Every structure is written in structure tokens, then in C-alpha cells.
Amino acid sequence: MNKSDLVDTLAGATGMTKADASRAVDALFSPSEGIIATALRGDRRVQITGFGTFEAKHRKARMGRNPRTGETIHIAATKTPGFRAGKGLKHSVKGGW
């Protein structure tokens, strides 16, 4: 399912117009100004009970190896987005409901 499929499905399920559904999807998932991305940039978790949790994961700086030259290199610390599925979502995907 891509974004336009998601917008169509949301519009059909809620009775919203496609334009309103598109704005709702953008408000949640936009990588620059979406609610989830903004919370993660601020080191806050987004927990949706039964669905899952989005959170920023911090990776420490470490030493690595350049696979082409074998040279040891420094890899800087980074912050990456992460998602853990909730119990309800896991159960649903397994076919429990």
C-alpha cells in the first residue's frame, strides 16, 4: 500500500474527502513537519496503544573498517528512527483476529 492507497482507504473508512484524508496523512507522516517526525526530532516517543511505538534510537560513535581498503575509520554517533510493533498489531498480523 502506498500513500495514495492509504489516502483512498482512509477517505472511504471515515467519510472524509480525499483532500482532507491527504492532509491528515501528511499531518501524521510527513518527514519534515509531520507529528511523528517532529516528536522524534525532539527525542519524544509516539506510543499508539495496540499499534506500536515510534522512538528515536541513539547509536554511539564507534570504530569501523572500510571494506574496500581495510582501513580503520571512525563512525560518528547517529540518531535513527525506530518502530516496535504493539501486541495488538502483532496478534492481528499473525491472523489472531
Protein backbone atom coordinates (compact mmCIF):
# COMPACT_ATOMS: atom_id res chain seq x y z
CA MET A 1 0.00 0.00 0.00
CA ASN A 2 1.41 3.38 -0.97
CA LYS A 3 0.42 6.85 0.19
CA SER A 4 -2.38 7.34 -2.35
CA ASP A 5 -3.85 3.94 -1.43
CA LEU A 6 -3.70 4.94 2.23
CA VAL A 7 -5.46 8.24 1.48
CA ASP A 8 -8.18 6.47 -0.53
CA THR A 9 -8.71 3.86 2.19
CA LEU A 10 -8.83 6.50 4.95
CA ALA A 11 -11.32 8.59 2.97
CA GLY A 12 -13.53 5.56 2.40
CA ALA A 13 -13.38 4.36 6.00
CA THR A 14 -14.14 7.73 7.58
CA GLY A 15 -16.30 9.51 5.01
CA MET A 16 -13.70 12.25 4.68
CA THR A 17 -12.94 13.82 1.33
CA LYS A 18 -9.75 12.66 -0.33
CA ALA A 19 -8.26 16.13 0.18
CA ASP A 20 -8.98 16.00 3.92
CA ALA A 21 -7.64 12.45 4.16
CA SER A 22 -4.47 13.51 2.34
CA ARG A 23 -3.96 16.39 4.78
CA ALA A 24 -4.49 14.00 7.72
CA VAL A 25 -1.93 11.52 6.36
CA ASP A 26 0.56 14.35 5.73
CA ALA A 27 -0.01 15.76 9.23
CA LEU A 28 0.98 12.40 10.73
CA PHE A 29 3.63 11.04 8.40
CA SER A 30 5.35 13.96 6.63
CA PRO A 31 9.11 13.53 7.15
CA SER A 32 9.71 17.26 7.55
CA GLU A 33 6.74 18.60 9.51
CA GLY A 34 4.69 15.54 10.46
CA ILE A 35 3.62 14.94 14.04
CA ILE A 36 5.62 11.72 14.36
CA ALA A 37 8.83 13.11 12.82
CA THR A 38 8.63 16.28 14.92
CA ALA A 39 8.24 14.25 18.12
CA LEU A 40 11.19 12.00 17.22
CA ARG A 41 13.42 15.01 16.48
CA GLY A 42 12.53 16.26 19.97
CA ASP A 43 13.53 12.87 21.48
CA ARG A 44 9.92 12.08 22.40
CA ARG A 45 8.22 8.72 21.88
CA VAL A 46 4.97 8.33 19.98
CA GLN A 47 3.06 5.44 21.53
CA ILE A 48 -0.17 4.25 19.94
CA THR A 49 -1.64 1.61 22.26
CA GLY A 50 -2.20 -1.67 20.46
CA PHE A 51 -0.41 -0.48 17.32
CA GLY A 52 3.16 0.30 18.32
CA THR A 53 5.77 2.80 19.42
CA PHE A 54 7.92 5.13 17.34
CA GLU A 55 11.10 6.36 19.03
CA ALA A 56 14.48 7.85 18.20
CA LYS A 57 17.32 5.42 18.79
CA HIS A 58 20.78 6.71 19.59
CA ARG A 59 23.82 4.86 18.24
CA LYS A 60 27.13 5.58 19.92
CA ALA A 61 30.21 6.57 17.97
CA ARG A 62 32.35 3.56 17.11
CA MET A 63 35.29 2.36 15.12
CA GLY A 64 34.62 0.55 11.84
CA ARG A 65 36.52 -0.77 8.89
CA ASN A 66 36.45 0.41 5.29
CA PRO A 67 35.62 -2.80 3.38
CA ARG A 68 37.46 -1.63 0.26
CA THR A 69 40.77 -0.68 1.84
CA GLY A 70 40.64 -2.42 5.22
CA GLU A 71 41.48 0.91 6.85
CA THR A 72 40.06 1.60 10.34
CA ILE A 73 37.65 4.55 10.33
CA HIS A 74 35.67 6.48 12.92
CA ILE A 75 31.88 6.25 12.58
CA ALA A 76 30.11 9.21 14.19
CA ALA A 77 27.21 8.90 16.62
CA THR A 78 23.81 8.99 14.93
CA LYS A 79 20.13 9.15 15.78
CA THR A 80 17.77 6.92 13.77
CA PRO A 81 14.02 6.36 13.88
CA GLY A 82 12.76 3.05 15.20
CA PHE A 83 9.40 1.30 15.45
CA ARG A 84 8.30 -1.52 17.72
CA ALA A 85 5.01 -3.19 16.88
CA GLY A 86 2.47 -3.39 19.70
CA LYS A 87 0.81 -6.54 20.93
CA GLY A 88 -2.45 -5.87 19.08
CA LEU A 89 -0.71 -5.32 15.73
CA LYS A 90 1.45 -8.42 16.16
CA HIS A 91 -1.59 -10.50 17.02
CA SER A 92 -3.56 -9.12 14.06
CA VAL A 93 -0.75 -9.83 11.56
CA LYS A 94 -0.45 -13.40 12.85
CA GLY A 95 -4.11 -13.88 11.98
CA GLY A 96 -5.44 -13.82 15.51
CA TRP A 97 -8.41 -11.53 14.76
